[in-house]
Amino acid sequence: MKLKIWLPILLIGLSLNLSAQESKKTVYVIVHGAWGGSYAFKKVDSILTAKGCKVYRPSLTGQGERAHLATADVNLSTHVKDVVNQILYENLYDVVLVGHSYGGMVITGVADSIPNRIKKMIYVDAFLPNDGESVATVFSGKMDGLIKSQTNGFLVPAWVKASQPIPKDVPQSLKTFTEILHLKRGVSSIPAQYVLTVAKGTVPEKDDFFSQAERARKRKIPVEVLEADHNPQVTAIVPFAELLYRVK
């Protein structure tokens, strides 16, 4: 009889303890870059998870394992909604929102949509847009050739080949690069960190995203340089994961 009385109480206590432990975990939502997918951050995810963090890696519509959903109508707003819904439906709060490259456009839109859910933003060699900008306007001149060579509403850079084995980069809708980002709240006041990746033997000023790091400095956002190429999630996995954990 006593066991029957105490067992439910013990189970409730255990459940509350586990819930408390879960609530203390740092929650990361990592948004990949253009043409890529969440698969590229799998090893970084494993390292952060081993440190006791909770990691979500949404693949944007038309990319990664969601490549079968690709259409020329997919735009930046679609991708922002992908991540917003992941956060809302998983009921996440105090999120450390990480955006790599094109992902910087996405996380900026996400933070503008649900600022109460975001604890910190980390831009990794990423776009740091102002209101009224798109990838095409931020990188005006640098992407003109690629945009002019669009195929059926998709941008297909030279390294994206249909014959490559999965997982692989895939074509991406032109509209994701040309849609203007409209910020209802202006530039976000959420704490942020900028990570500029600079390949060994080169100088920061030559990096494609140096201008974005300079923009971060002007906004009083701390900037850290990581010795790596543009894809630290592939070429500098451990240092990159350690940096994400440290600046959270």
Foldseek 3Di string as FASTA:
>chain_A
DVCVVCVVVVVVVVVVVVVVLLVPAAEEEEEEAALAFQVLQPLLCVVSVVVVHHYHYHGAQCHFVNVVRDDLPDALVSRLVSVLCVCVVVVAAQYAYEAAALRLSNVQLNCLVCVRRYQEYEYELYAPDWAFDFQCRVCPPVCVVQLVPADNQWGDDPVDDPPDDPPDGHIHGPNHRVPGHHRPVTRDPRQYAYEYEDEPPDDLVPRPSSVRQVVCVVVVHHYHYDHDPSRCSNVVVPVVSVVSVVVD
